[in-house]
């Protein structure tokens, strides 16, 4: 009976992971499709000339981060994690093996 409950828990957890991964993947695609060109620059400020009290500063734009693509990448990584996380309920090693399973008791 306990093995059946663990097996049922594994299959439900696996299907939840698959559904969550599909949702995150759909969100990533949706964000890319609805994306606009909004981006924020990443800047660095360098000292212009010799150091001293009247030294000027030179601001340089290193690159720009497109927000939509950054958020889509986050959702894509989340989907990848949902698809690749090994769901191994009941297969524990080391100190975790001493803890009872929440369903199986």
Protein backbone atom coordinates (compact mmCIF):
# COMPACT_ATOMS: atom_id res chain seq x y z
CA UNK A 1 0.00 0.00 0.00
CA UNK A 2 2.79 2.43 0.86
CA UNK A 3 4.57 1.84 -2.46
CA UNK A 4 1.34 2.55 -4.32
CA UNK A 5 0.98 5.88 -2.50
CA UNK A 6 4.58 6.81 -3.26
CA UNK A 7 4.09 5.85 -6.91
CA UNK A 8 0.90 7.93 -7.07
CA UNK A 9 2.72 10.88 -5.47
CA UNK A 10 5.58 10.56 -7.99
CA UNK A 11 3.24 10.53 -10.98
CA UNK A 12 1.25 13.53 -9.69
CA UNK A 13 4.42 15.46 -8.95
CA UNK A 14 5.82 14.65 -12.39
CA UNK A 15 2.65 15.81 -14.13
CA UNK A 16 2.60 19.02 -12.08
CA UNK A 17 6.23 19.68 -13.06
CA UNK A 18 5.38 19.07 -16.73
CA UNK A 19 2.37 21.42 -16.63
CA UNK A 20 4.35 24.14 -14.81
CA UNK A 21 7.16 23.81 -17.35
CA UNK A 22 4.73 24.17 -20.25
CA UNK A 23 3.16 27.25 -18.65
CA UNK A 24 6.54 28.89 -18.14
CA UNK A 25 7.57 28.06 -21.69
CA UNK A 26 4.34 29.57 -23.02
CA UNK A 27 4.96 32.69 -20.93
CA UNK A 28 8.47 33.03 -22.37
CA UNK A 29 7.15 32.74 -25.94
CA UNK A 30 4.33 35.20 -25.19
CA UNK A 31 6.73 37.75 -23.76
CA UNK A 32 8.99 37.51 -26.81
CA UNK A 33 6.01 37.88 -29.16
CA UNK A 34 4.69 40.93 -27.28
CA UNK A 35 8.12 42.49 -26.74
CA UNK A 36 8.92 46.06 -27.57
CA UNK A 37 12.31 47.72 -27.82
CA UNK A 38 12.50 48.99 -24.21
CA UNK A 39 15.99 48.53 -22.84
CA UNK A 40 18.16 50.04 -20.16
CA UNK A 41 21.81 50.87 -20.66
CA UNK A 42 24.55 49.44 -18.47
CA UNK A 43 27.07 52.21 -17.96
CA UNK A 44 30.53 52.60 -16.49
CA UNK A 45 32.18 55.80 -15.33
CA UNK A 46 35.91 56.18 -15.79
CA UNK A 47 38.30 58.83 -14.58
CA UNK A 48 39.23 61.17 -17.43
CA UNK A 49 42.73 62.52 -17.04
CA UNK A 50 45.04 62.47 -14.05
CA UNK A 51 43.60 62.03 -10.56
CA UNK A 52 43.06 65.14 -8.54
CA UNK A 53 40.41 67.55 -7.27
CA UNK A 54 39.35 68.77 -10.72
CA UNK A 55 39.44 65.42 -12.49
CA UNK A 56 36.69 64.84 -14.99
CA UNK A 57 34.69 61.68 -15.46
CA UNK A 58 33.93 59.86 -18.65
CA UNK A 59 30.65 57.91 -18.82
CA UNK A 60 30.63 55.01 -21.28
CA UNK A 61 27.64 52.83 -22.21
CA UNK A 62 28.86 49.23 -22.17
CA UNK A 63 25.70 47.57 -23.49
CA UNK A 64 21.92 47.71 -23.20
CA UNK A 65 19.70 45.10 -21.59
CA UNK A 66 16.43 44.45 -23.37
CA UNK A 67 13.92 43.86 -20.57
CA UNK A 68 11.56 41.63 -22.54
CA UNK A 69 14.36 39.29 -23.59
CA UNK A 70 15.76 39.18 -20.05
CA UNK A 71 12.36 38.26 -18.58
CA UNK A 72 11.76 35.69 -21.34
CA UNK A 73 15.16 34.16 -20.56
CA UNK A 74 14.15 33.88 -16.89
CA UNK A 75 10.92 32.08 -17.81
CA UNK A 76 12.83 29.86 -20.23
CA UNK A 77 15.29 28.85 -17.50
CA UNK A 78 12.38 28.18 -15.18
CA UNK A 79 10.74 25.94 -17.79
CA UNK A 80 14.03 24.12 -18.31
CA UNK A 81 14.29 23.54 -14.56
CA UNK A 82 10.75 22.13 -14.43
CA UNK A 83 11.51 19.76 -17.28
CA UNK A 84 14.83 18.54 -15.91
CA UNK A 85 14.32 18.38 -12.15
CA UNK A 86 14.47 14.72 -11.23
CA UNK A 87 11.37 13.79 -9.30
CA UNK A 88 12.43 10.85 -7.21
CA UNK A 89 10.00 10.71 -4.30
CA UNK A 90 10.77 7.70 -2.19
CA UNK A 91 14.31 7.25 -3.54
CA UNK A 92 16.40 8.94 -0.88
CA UNK A 93 20.01 8.45 0.12
CA UNK A 94 22.05 9.45 3.15
CA UNK A 95 20.50 11.34 6.08
CA UNK A 96 17.39 12.12 4.05
CA UNK A 97 16.54 8.40 4.01
CA UNK A 98 15.78 8.58 7.75
CA UNK A 99 12.99 11.14 7.24
CA UNK A 100 9.55 9.61 6.72
CA UNK A 101 7.72 10.34 3.48
CA UNK A 102 4.84 12.83 3.96
CA UNK A 103 2.32 10.56 2.22
CA UNK A 104 3.63 7.11 3.01
CA UNK A 105 4.12 7.94 6.68
